[in-house]
Amino acid sequence: MAEEQKHLLRQIVEDFLDKGDRDALKTALEEKRSSDISEIIEILENEERRVVFDILDKSVSAEVLEKVDEATRSELFDILEDQELRELISELNPDDAADVLSELPAEDSEEVLEHMPEADADQIKDLMSYSEDSAGGIMDPILVSVNEAATVAEAIREIQNAEIDEDFFSVYVVNSSGKLLGDVRIRDLIRKHDSTSIKQLIDTDTIHVRTDTDQEEVRNIFSKNDLIVVPVIDDSGVLVGRITADRVIEVAEEEAAEDIYTMAGTDAAELENISIIHAARVRMTWLLPCLAGTAVTAFAGLTFRNIFNQADTLYIFTTAFAFAPMIAAISGNAGLQTSAIVVSGLATGDLAAARLSEVFAREVRVALFVAISCGIIGGMICGFLPNLMNPHAVGDLSAGPIKFADHIPIVIAFSTAMFSAIMVATTLGLFLPFLFRRVKIDPAISAGPLVTTANDSISVIIYLTLVLLLA
């Protein structure tokens, strides 16, 4: 919904709520889609949400409950009566109902399932048994399938009796064990005689996914093959559900948001609750390890300070350390650029990003050019900047100002360290996403603050070690 329309609808809703005119409000909302209503629900107060849910039809209320964001839905759980919540969840498709129930505490979701028809409850429980990020977790178990021995007339009759609200374009064909053999397009069914055997029409080259296929891979399969729907099979090849394009769009949004949160050092869990304490706790979960990482950098700096002091070259350390943040920042960002490229490639399933050798050959050449350029430019800055300052303020006062001859090693160490740190950070940014993917960890973590902090520590240690060796 356009921003202007959203603002106008909000004004209308709030105006009717202020006047207490429920009939007018109901009339106004009846003309709107559930997606539009859900956007308004997200910005209303709980008392106003309660009124809106009271006047909406159950089917619309159920759709609104499913479409609002997690934080709003968490608040709706508190204002909806138990019986009302059960009725709304019963209105949803099994896959949507499973998603909503997964956000409730285990005891509450169990209670809801106990009051639902047994067949529906079993279907939802089966869906909830799969990982929420897998094909099984996002599939819809309701589909149309026929036995391979069926005729066109029997297939059409199966379609007519199907309880599916969404559009579909093919009928799946299974054997006597329920294993997927292929599919038949609707257009082929209506063009053939009623007595035609389904076996003659089966397309056995049907693209399918398994229940344990990651949802990110499912999204890539849809994108690469321009699919509208894909069947889902279990480990035995039995047809258990289907995934539609609209569900994949939701998955794409979820995956993109998840990667952004991870790279920023937070979590989508922050949106599950509007409490600032909850949000702060989620962020601190990531920031505290980063704080420990920066403490390592500080410890390294103090250690080197003592070493330089013992060598009576503390004045060199004082000048050299002023340039340490430059190396840490540039190398960290260089590594972040590489990891972001690789993470994006892995997420979209690009062929180049799936082959480490190809990515390595490209990124190393890019990193070499960047490292040489930054090393030279950074060295010039390192050599020129101290000359702008009061020479008596450059070094340690007890040791006197730093001499030009003493500063040359710092410039050389700086340039060399800048080059080395960028190459190390780029290598980490390149290999860590592949390593994390191999061990089933989200590759986006490799572009997060934890790895960036590690790059900072490594780059500072490299730099100060080179200064110590060359001084």
Protein backbone atom coordinates (compact mmCIF):
# COMPACT_ATOMS: atom_id res chain seq x y z
CA MET A 1 0.00 0.00 0.00
CA ALA A 2 1.33 3.41 -0.97
CA GLU A 3 2.41 5.65 1.90
CA GLU A 4 -0.27 8.26 1.15
CA GLN A 5 -3.02 5.63 1.06
CA LYS A 6 -1.70 4.10 4.26
CA HIS A 7 -1.74 7.49 5.98
CA LEU A 8 -5.27 8.18 4.72
CA LEU A 9 -6.57 4.80 5.89
CA ARG A 10 -4.97 5.33 9.27
CA GLN A 11 -6.72 8.70 9.61
CA ILE A 12 -10.06 7.13 8.65
CA VAL A 13 -9.64 4.28 11.13
CA GLU A 14 -8.53 6.56 13.96
CA ASP A 15 -11.38 8.98 13.21
CA PHE A 16 -14.02 6.24 13.43
CA LEU A 17 -12.36 4.82 16.54
CA ASP A 18 -12.43 8.24 18.23
CA LYS A 19 -16.11 8.61 17.37
CA GLY A 20 -16.88 5.07 18.46
CA ASP A 21 -18.60 4.46 15.12
CA ARG A 22 -17.97 0.73 14.73
CA ASP A 23 -20.43 0.27 11.87
CA ALA A 24 -18.69 2.90 9.74
CA LEU A 25 -15.32 1.43 10.63
CA LYS A 26 -16.46 -2.05 9.63
CA THR A 27 -17.74 -0.74 6.31
CA ALA A 28 -14.46 1.05 5.63
CA LEU A 29 -12.36 -2.02 6.43
CA GLU A 30 -14.54 -4.39 4.38
CA GLU A 31 -13.30 -2.61 1.28
CA LYS A 32 -9.65 -3.18 2.18
CA ARG A 33 -7.35 -6.15 1.69
CA SER A 34 -6.10 -8.02 4.74
CA SER A 35 -2.55 -6.90 3.88
CA ASP A 36 -3.65 -3.24 4.09
CA ILE A 37 -5.43 -3.82 7.38
CA SER A 38 -2.37 -5.57 8.82
CA GLU A 39 -0.23 -2.48 8.11
CA ILE A 40 -2.70 -0.33 10.02
CA ILE A 41 -2.89 -2.82 12.90
CA GLU A 42 0.88 -2.54 13.33
CA ILE A 43 0.67 1.18 14.14
CA LEU A 44 -2.45 1.15 16.35
CA GLU A 45 -2.55 0.91 20.12
CA ASN A 46 -3.67 -2.37 21.71
CA GLU A 47 -7.07 -0.96 22.69
CA GLU A 48 -7.68 0.10 19.09
CA ARG A 49 -6.48 -3.26 17.78
CA ARG A 50 -8.98 -4.96 20.06
CA VAL A 51 -11.83 -2.96 18.53
CA VAL A 52 -10.70 -3.71 14.96
CA PHE A 53 -10.50 -7.46 15.65
CA ASP A 54 -13.97 -7.35 17.20
CA ILE A 55 -15.55 -6.03 14.01
CA LEU A 56 -13.60 -8.07 11.43
CA ASP A 57 -14.82 -11.39 10.08
CA LYS A 58 -12.95 -14.38 11.47
CA SER A 59 -11.38 -15.24 8.12
CA VAL A 60 -10.07 -11.71 7.66
CA SER A 61 -8.87 -11.51 11.26
CA ALA A 62 -6.94 -14.75 10.74
CA GLU A 63 -5.23 -13.38 7.63
CA VAL A 64 -4.36 -10.16 9.46
CA LEU A 65 -2.91 -12.14 12.38
CA GLU A 66 -0.69 -14.05 9.95
CA LYS A 67 0.45 -10.98 7.97
CA VAL A 68 1.47 -8.60 10.78
CA ASP A 69 5.11 -8.50 11.91
CA GLU A 70 6.31 -10.70 14.77
CA ALA A 71 6.41 -7.94 17.35
CA THR A 72 2.80 -6.96 16.65
CA ARG A 73 1.70 -10.58 16.60
CA SER A 74 3.32 -11.10 19.99
CA GLU A 75 1.19 -8.27 21.38
CA LEU A 76 -1.94 -9.64 19.69
CA PHE A 77 -1.38 -12.96 21.46
CA ASP A 78 -1.80 -11.05 24.73
CA ILE A 79 -5.01 -9.23 23.80
CA LEU A 80 -6.80 -12.12 22.05
CA GLU A 81 -8.80 -14.56 24.15
CA ASP A 82 -7.66 -18.19 24.13
CA GLN A 83 -10.80 -19.41 22.38
CA GLU A 84 -10.59 -16.56 19.87
CA LEU A 85 -6.96 -17.33 19.11
CA ARG A 86 -7.77 -21.00 18.52
CA GLU A 87 -10.56 -20.06 16.12
CA LEU A 88 -8.32 -17.71 14.17
CA ILE A 89 -5.52 -20.26 13.83
CA SER A 90 -8.07 -22.84 12.68
CA GLU A 91 -8.96 -20.50 9.81
CA LEU A 92 -5.39 -20.48 8.50
CA ASN A 93 -3.82 -22.86 6.03
CA PRO A 94 -1.73 -25.53 7.78
CA ASP A 95 1.62 -23.97 6.79
CA ASP A 96 0.58 -20.51 8.00
CA ALA A 97 -0.92 -21.99 11.18
CA ALA A 98 2.35 -23.81 11.89
CA ASP A 99 4.30 -20.57 11.49
CA VAL A 100 2.03 -18.71 13.91
CA LEU A 101 2.00 -21.52 16.47
CA SER A 102 5.81 -21.74 16.40
CA GLU A 103 5.90 -18.24 17.92
CA LEU A 104 3.77 -19.25 20.89
CA PRO A 105 5.21 -20.90 24.02
CA ALA A 106 5.20 -24.70 23.68
CA GLU A 107 2.44 -25.20 26.27
CA ASP A 108 0.19 -22.64 24.57
CA SER A 109 0.66 -24.11 21.10
CA GLU A 110 -0.08 -27.59 22.47
CA GLU A 111 -3.31 -26.31 24.00
CA VAL A 112 -4.38 -24.76 20.71
CA LEU A 113 -3.67 -28.01 18.85
CA GLU A 114 -5.66 -30.03 21.39
CA HIS A 115 -8.80 -28.04 20.59
CA MET A 116 -8.43 -28.38 16.80
CA PRO A 117 -9.80 -31.20 14.65
CA GLU A 118 -7.44 -34.16 14.90
CA ALA A 119 -6.66 -34.30 11.18
CA ASP A 120 -5.78 -30.59 11.07
CA ALA A 121 -3.74 -30.81 14.26
CA ASP A 122 -1.75 -33.77 12.95
CA GLN A 123 -1.00 -31.92 9.73
CA ILE A 124 0.26 -28.87 11.63
CA LYS A 125 2.32 -31.01 14.03
CA ASP A 126 4.01 -32.68 11.05
CA LEU A 127 4.93 -29.28 9.64
CA MET A 128 6.23 -28.07 13.00
CA SER A 129 8.48 -31.13 13.24
CA TYR A 130 10.59 -29.81 10.36
CA SER A 131 13.20 -27.10 10.72
CA GLU A 132 11.57 -23.71 10.15
CA ASP A 133 14.29 -22.89 7.59
CA SER A 134 13.76 -26.04 5.54
CA ALA A 135 11.48 -26.93 2.64
CA GLY A 136 9.42 -29.05 5.02
CA GLY A 137 8.96 -26.08 7.33
CA ILE A 138 7.62 -23.77 4.61
CA MET A 139 5.64 -26.20 2.47
CA ASP A 140 1.87 -26.46 2.16
CA PRO A 141 0.72 -30.07 2.67
CA ILE A 142 -2.54 -29.48 0.76
CA LEU A 143 -2.18 -30.43 -2.91
CA VAL A 144 -3.82 -32.37 -5.73
CA SER A 145 -2.37 -35.74 -6.68
CA VAL A 146 -3.62 -38.81 -8.56
CA ASN A 147 -2.43 -42.35 -8.97
CA GLU A 148 -0.53 -43.24 -12.12
CA ALA A 149 -3.40 -45.59 -13.11
CA ALA A 150 -5.94 -42.75 -13.17
CA THR A 151 -7.58 -41.29 -16.27
CA VAL A 152 -8.02 -37.66 -17.28
CA ALA A 153 -11.64 -37.77 -16.08
CA GLU A 154 -10.57 -39.01 -12.64
CA ALA A 155 -7.88 -36.34 -12.41
CA ILE A 156 -10.37 -33.57 -13.26
CA ARG A 157 -12.79 -34.96 -10.69
CA GLU A 158 -9.98 -34.86 -8.11
CA ILE A 159 -9.41 -31.19 -8.94
CA GLN A 160 -13.12 -30.41 -8.56
CA ASN A 161 -13.18 -32.02 -5.11
CA ALA A 162 -9.95 -30.39 -3.91
CA GLU A 163 -10.13 -27.98 -0.99
CA ILE A 164 -7.51 -25.51 -2.22
CA ASP A 165 -8.11 -21.77 -2.16
CA GLU A 166 -4.95 -20.90 -4.08
CA ASP A 167 -4.48 -21.24 -7.82
CA PHE A 168 -2.58 -24.27 -9.08
CA PHE A 169 -1.33 -25.26 -12.50
CA SER A 170 -0.57 -28.96 -12.37
CA VAL A 171 -1.64 -32.26 -10.86
CA TYR A 172 1.00 -34.47 -9.29
CA VAL A 173 1.17 -38.14 -10.18
CA VAL A 174 2.22 -40.76 -7.63
CA ASN A 175 2.56 -44.54 -7.59
CA SER A 176 0.79 -46.91 -5.22
CA SER A 177 3.35 -46.09 -2.50
CA GLY A 178 2.76 -42.35 -2.81
CA LYS A 179 6.13 -41.68 -4.42
CA LEU A 180 6.27 -38.77 -6.84
CA LEU A 181 6.50 -39.78 -10.49
CA GLY A 182 5.98 -36.39 -12.10
CA ASP A 183 3.20 -33.97 -12.89
CA VAL A 184 0.58 -33.17 -15.52
CA ARG A 185 -0.24 -29.60 -16.49
CA ILE A 186 -3.85 -28.49 -16.26
CA ARG A 187 -3.79 -27.35 -19.88
CA ASP A 188 -2.87 -30.89 -20.95
CA LEU A 189 -5.76 -32.36 -18.97
CA ILE A 190 -8.46 -30.19 -20.51
CA ARG A 191 -7.18 -30.82 -24.04
CA LYS A 192 -7.30 -34.63 -23.79
CA HIS A 193 -10.18 -37.07 -23.89
CA ASP A 194 -11.64 -38.16 -20.57
CA SER A 195 -10.54 -41.75 -21.06
CA THR A 196 -6.90 -40.83 -21.71
CA SER A 197 -4.51 -42.46 -19.26
CA ILE A 198 -2.54 -40.13 -17.02
CA LYS A 199 0.55 -42.21 -17.75
CA GLN A 200 0.58 -40.82 -21.29
CA LEU A 201 0.72 -37.24 -20.02
CA ILE A 202 3.22 -37.43 -17.15
CA ASP A 203 6.17 -35.07 -17.25
CA THR A 204 8.77 -37.09 -15.37
CA ASP A 205 11.30 -34.25 -15.41
CA THR A 206 9.54 -32.42 -12.60
CA ILE A 207 11.84 -30.29 -10.47
CA HIS A 208 11.34 -31.15 -6.81
CA VAL A 209 12.96 -30.55 -3.42
CA ARG A 210 13.34 -32.67 -0.30
CA THR A 211 11.91 -31.79 3.09
CA ASP A 212 15.39 -31.08 4.48
CA THR A 213 16.41 -28.72 1.64
CA ASP A 214 17.36 -25.33 3.05
CA GLN A 215 14.85 -22.58 2.25
CA GLU A 216 17.61 -20.45 0.75
CA GLU A 217 18.35 -23.22 -1.76
CA VAL A 218 14.63 -23.52 -2.48
CA ARG A 219 14.54 -19.82 -3.29
CA ASN A 220 17.47 -20.20 -5.66
CA ILE A 221 15.80 -23.16 -7.41
CA PHE A 222 12.68 -21.06 -8.00
CA SER A 223 14.73 -18.14 -9.28
CA LYS A 224 16.91 -20.15 -11.67
CA ASN A 225 14.06 -22.19 -13.13
CA ASP A 226 11.28 -19.54 -13.17
CA LEU A 227 8.98 -21.81 -11.16
CA ILE A 228 5.51 -21.08 -9.83
CA VAL A 229 5.31 -24.14 -7.60
CA VAL A 230 7.57 -27.04 -6.67
CA PRO A 231 6.63 -30.39 -5.06
CA VAL A 232 8.27 -31.55 -1.82
CA ILE A 233 9.20 -35.19 -1.16
CA ASP A 234 10.48 -36.94 1.96
CA ASP A 235 13.55 -39.18 2.28
CA SER A 236 11.65 -42.06 0.65
CA GLY A 237 10.51 -40.01 -2.32
CA VAL A 238 6.92 -39.80 -1.07
CA LEU A 239 5.07 -36.63 -2.06
CA VAL A 240 4.29 -34.67 1.13
CA GLY A 241 3.60 -31.10 0.04
CA ARG A 242 4.28 -28.21 -2.30
CA ILE A 243 5.88 -24.78 -2.10
CA THR A 244 4.37 -21.87 -4.03
CA ALA A 245 6.04 -18.74 -5.39
CA ASP A 246 4.33 -16.42 -2.91
CA ARG A 247 5.88 -18.40 -0.04
CA VAL A 248 9.27 -18.15 -1.68
CA ILE A 249 8.94 -14.37 -1.87
CA GLU A 250 8.43 -14.35 1.91
CA VAL A 251 11.48 -16.59 2.28
CA ALA A 252 13.59 -14.23 0.16
CA GLU A 253 12.60 -11.32 2.39
CA GLU A 254 13.35 -13.33 5.53
CA GLU A 255 16.77 -14.46 4.26
CA ALA A 256 17.74 -10.96 3.15
CA ALA A 257 16.70 -9.49 6.50
CA GLU A 258 18.48 -12.29 8.37
CA ASP A 259 21.75 -11.64 6.52
CA ILE A 260 21.50 -7.90 7.17
CA TYR A 261 20.87 -8.47 10.88
CA THR A 262 23.75 -10.92 11.14
CA MET A 263 26.19 -8.66 9.29
CA ALA A 264 25.15 -5.78 11.55
CA GLY A 265 25.71 -7.87 14.65
CA THR A 266 22.13 -8.28 15.79
CA ASP A 267 19.31 -10.76 15.30
CA ALA A 268 15.80 -10.93 13.86
CA ALA A 269 14.73 -11.96 17.37
CA GLU A 270 14.93 -8.27 18.20
CA LEU A 271 11.67 -7.78 16.29
CA GLU A 272 9.78 -10.41 18.25
CA ASN A 273 9.24 -7.99 21.10
CA ILE A 274 9.08 -4.19 21.24
CA SER A 275 10.71 -4.08 24.68
CA ILE A 276 13.87 -1.98 24.67
CA ILE A 277 15.35 -4.33 27.27
CA HIS A 278 14.76 -7.25 24.93
CA ALA A 279 16.35 -5.38 22.02
CA ALA A 280 19.32 -4.34 24.13
CA ARG A 281 19.86 -7.92 25.32
CA VAL A 282 19.87 -9.22 21.74
CA ARG A 283 22.42 -6.62 20.65
CA MET A 284 24.63 -7.09 23.69
CA THR A 285 24.82 -10.80 22.90
CA TRP A 286 26.88 -9.77 19.88
CA LEU A 287 28.61 -6.71 21.30
CA LEU A 288 30.06 -8.30 24.44
CA PRO A 289 32.27 -10.73 22.46
CA CYS A 290 33.35 -7.72 20.35
CA LEU A 291 34.23 -5.89 23.56
CA ALA A 292 36.38 -8.87 24.53
CA GLY A 293 38.02 -8.73 21.10
CA THR A 294 38.90 -5.06 21.44
CA ALA A 295 40.31 -5.86 24.86
CA VAL A 296 42.71 -8.24 23.11
CA THR A 297 43.79 -5.37 20.86
CA ALA A 298 44.32 -3.14 23.90
CA PHE A 299 46.31 -5.88 25.63
CA ALA A 300 48.50 -6.26 22.54
CA GLY A 301 49.08 -2.49 22.49
CA LEU A 302 50.11 -2.41 26.15
CA THR A 303 52.39 -5.41 25.66
CA PHE A 304 54.17 -3.75 22.76
CA ARG A 305 54.39 -0.52 24.78
CA ASN A 306 56.33 -2.35 27.47
CA ILE A 307 58.63 -3.94 24.91
CA PHE A 308 59.36 -0.58 23.27
CA ASN A 309 59.91 0.98 26.70
CA GLN A 310 62.46 -1.66 27.64
CA ALA A 311 64.27 -0.96 24.38
CA ASP A 312 64.24 2.77 25.21
CA THR A 313 62.22 3.49 22.04
CA LEU A 314 58.93 4.44 23.62
CA TYR A 315 58.84 7.63 21.56
CA ILE A 316 58.72 5.48 18.40
CA PHE A 317 55.84 3.46 19.80
CA THR A 318 53.96 6.67 20.68
CA THR A 319 54.09 7.88 17.09
CA ALA A 320 53.57 4.44 15.53
CA PHE A 321 50.52 3.63 17.64
CA ALA A 322 48.76 6.80 16.44
CA PHE A 323 48.51 5.19 13.00
CA ALA A 324 47.26 1.78 14.21
CA PRO A 325 43.54 2.71 13.86
CA MET A 326 44.09 3.48 10.16
CA ILE A 327 45.39 -0.01 9.48
CA ALA A 328 42.66 -1.63 11.58
CA ALA A 329 39.89 0.34 9.86
CA ILE A 330 41.12 -0.11 6.29
CA SER A 331 41.96 -3.81 6.61
CA GLY A 332 38.69 -4.49 8.44
CA ASN A 333 36.65 -2.80 5.74
CA ALA A 334 38.62 -4.57 2.99
CA GLY A 335 37.81 -7.91 4.61
CA LEU A 336 34.19 -6.86 5.03
CA GLN A 337 33.94 -5.99 1.33
CA THR A 338 35.25 -9.40 0.33
CA SER A 339 33.06 -11.35 2.75
CA ALA A 340 29.99 -9.34 1.71
CA ILE A 341 30.61 -10.23 -1.95
CA VAL A 342 31.09 -13.90 -1.12
CA VAL A 343 28.12 -14.07 1.27
CA SER A 344 25.89 -12.45 -1.33
CA GLY A 345 27.11 -14.90 -3.97
CA LEU A 346 26.46 -17.88 -1.74
CA ALA A 347 23.02 -16.59 -0.81
CA THR A 348 21.94 -16.08 -4.42
CA GLY A 349 23.51 -19.34 -5.58
CA ASP A 350 25.68 -17.71 -8.23
CA LEU A 351 27.92 -20.30 -9.88
CA ALA A 352 31.05 -18.21 -9.46
CA ALA A 353 30.46 -17.86 -5.73
CA ALA A 354 29.97 -21.61 -5.39
CA ARG A 355 33.49 -22.33 -6.67
CA LEU A 356 36.18 -21.31 -4.23
CA SER A 357 39.00 -21.46 -6.81
CA GLU A 358 37.30 -18.99 -9.13
CA VAL A 359 36.44 -16.59 -6.33
CA PHE A 360 39.97 -16.90 -4.91
CA ALA A 361 41.61 -16.09 -8.25
CA ARG A 362 39.49 -12.94 -8.66
CA GLU A 363 39.52 -11.64 -5.09
CA VAL A 364 43.25 -12.11 -4.56
CA ARG A 365 44.02 -9.98 -7.63
CA VAL A 366 41.60 -7.31 -6.45
CA ALA A 367 43.09 -7.46 -2.95
CA LEU A 368 46.64 -7.13 -4.29
CA PHE A 369 45.76 -3.97 -6.19
CA VAL A 370 43.88 -2.52 -3.20
CA ALA A 371 46.63 -3.50 -0.73
CA ILE A 372 49.43 -1.96 -2.84
CA SER A 373 47.43 1.24 -3.40
CA CYS A 374 46.47 1.64 0.27
CA GLY A 375 50.01 0.75 1.36
CA ILE A 376 51.55 3.46 -0.80
CA ILE A 377 48.95 6.14 -0.05
CA GLY A 378 48.90 5.26 3.64
CA GLY A 379 52.70 5.37 3.77
CA MET A 380 52.69 8.87 2.27
CA ILE A 381 50.16 10.00 4.89
CA CYS A 382 52.20 8.38 7.65
CA GLY A 383 55.34 10.16 6.44
CA PHE A 384 53.72 13.55 5.94
CA LEU A 385 51.25 13.88 8.83
CA PRO A 386 53.76 14.12 11.74
CA ASN A 387 55.41 17.09 10.02
CA LEU A 388 52.23 19.12 10.52
CA MET A 389 52.51 18.79 14.28
CA ASN A 390 54.72 20.43 16.88
CA PRO A 391 57.84 18.23 16.79
CA HIS A 392 58.07 18.36 20.59
CA ALA A 393 54.56 16.87 20.78
CA VAL A 394 55.28 13.97 18.48
CA GLY A 395 57.51 11.87 20.65
CA ASP A 396 57.74 11.10 24.30
CA LEU A 397 58.79 14.29 26.12
CA SER A 398 61.38 12.48 28.18
CA ALA A 399 63.04 11.11 25.08
CA GLY A 400 62.76 14.20 22.92
CA PRO A 401 61.12 14.59 19.51
CA ILE A 402 61.24 11.71 17.08
CA LYS A 403 63.94 12.01 14.47
CA PHE A 404 63.37 11.67 10.72
CA ALA A 405 65.66 8.64 10.64
CA ASP A 406 63.55 7.00 13.32
CA HIS A 407 60.36 7.80 11.47
CA ILE A 408 61.40 6.08 8.22
CA PRO A 409 61.06 2.58 9.76
CA ILE A 410 57.58 3.54 10.95
CA VAL A 411 56.59 4.55 7.41
CA ILE A 412 58.03 1.33 5.98
CA ALA A 413 56.36 -0.73 8.70
CA PHE A 414 53.09 1.10 8.16
CA SER A 415 53.05 0.51 4.40
CA THR A 416 54.08 -3.12 4.78
CA ALA A 417 51.58 -3.73 7.56
CA MET A 418 48.80 -2.05 5.60
CA PHE A 419 49.52 -4.36 2.65
CA SER A 420 49.81 -7.46 4.86
CA ALA A 421 46.73 -6.68 6.96
CA ILE A 422 44.56 -6.13 3.89
CA MET A 423 45.73 -9.42 2.39
CA VAL A 424 45.08 -11.28 5.66
CA ALA A 425 41.66 -9.67 6.11
CA THR A 426 40.73 -10.40 2.50
CA THR A 427 41.80 -14.02 2.92
CA LEU A 428 39.64 -14.35 6.03
CA GLY A 429 36.75 -12.61 4.28
CA LEU A 430 37.11 -15.06 1.41
CA PHE A 431 37.56 -18.37 3.21
CA LEU A 432 35.41 -17.94 6.32
CA PRO A 433 32.04 -17.79 4.46
CA PHE A 434 32.89 -21.06 2.69
CA LEU A 435 34.09 -22.61 5.95
CA PHE A 436 30.97 -21.53 7.83
CA ARG A 437 28.78 -22.84 5.04
CA ARG A 438 30.58 -26.19 5.17
CA VAL A 439 29.95 -26.58 8.91
CA LYS A 440 26.30 -25.44 8.57
CA ILE A 441 26.79 -21.97 10.09
CA ASP A 442 25.25 -18.90 8.47
CA PRO A 443 28.03 -17.45 6.23
CA ALA A 444 26.76 -13.93 6.98
CA ILE A 445 28.38 -14.22 10.41
CA SER A 446 31.75 -13.95 8.65
CA ALA A 447 30.83 -10.37 7.69
CA GLY A 448 29.66 -9.49 11.19
CA PRO A 449 31.35 -7.49 13.92
CA LEU A 450 32.98 -10.55 15.53
CA VAL A 451 35.15 -11.24 12.49
CA THR A 452 35.73 -7.52 11.90
CA THR A 453 36.99 -7.19 15.47
CA ALA A 454 39.30 -10.16 14.95
CA ASN A 455 40.67 -8.47 11.82
CA ASP A 456 41.39 -5.33 13.85
CA SER A 457 43.42 -7.25 16.43
CA ILE A 458 45.38 -9.16 13.81
CA SER A 459 46.19 -6.04 11.78
CA VAL A 460 47.41 -4.07 14.84
CA ILE A 461 49.63 -6.95 15.97
CA ILE A 462 51.14 -7.26 12.46
CA TYR A 463 51.81 -3.53 12.34
CA LEU A 464 53.43 -3.18 15.76
CA THR A 465 55.52 -6.31 15.19
CA LEU A 466 56.91 -4.83 11.98
CA VAL A 467 57.63 -1.50 13.70
CA LEU A 468 59.49 -3.35 16.45
CA LEU A 469 61.56 -5.34 13.96
CA LEU A 470 62.42 -2.35 11.78
CA ALA A 471 62.94 0.26 14.51
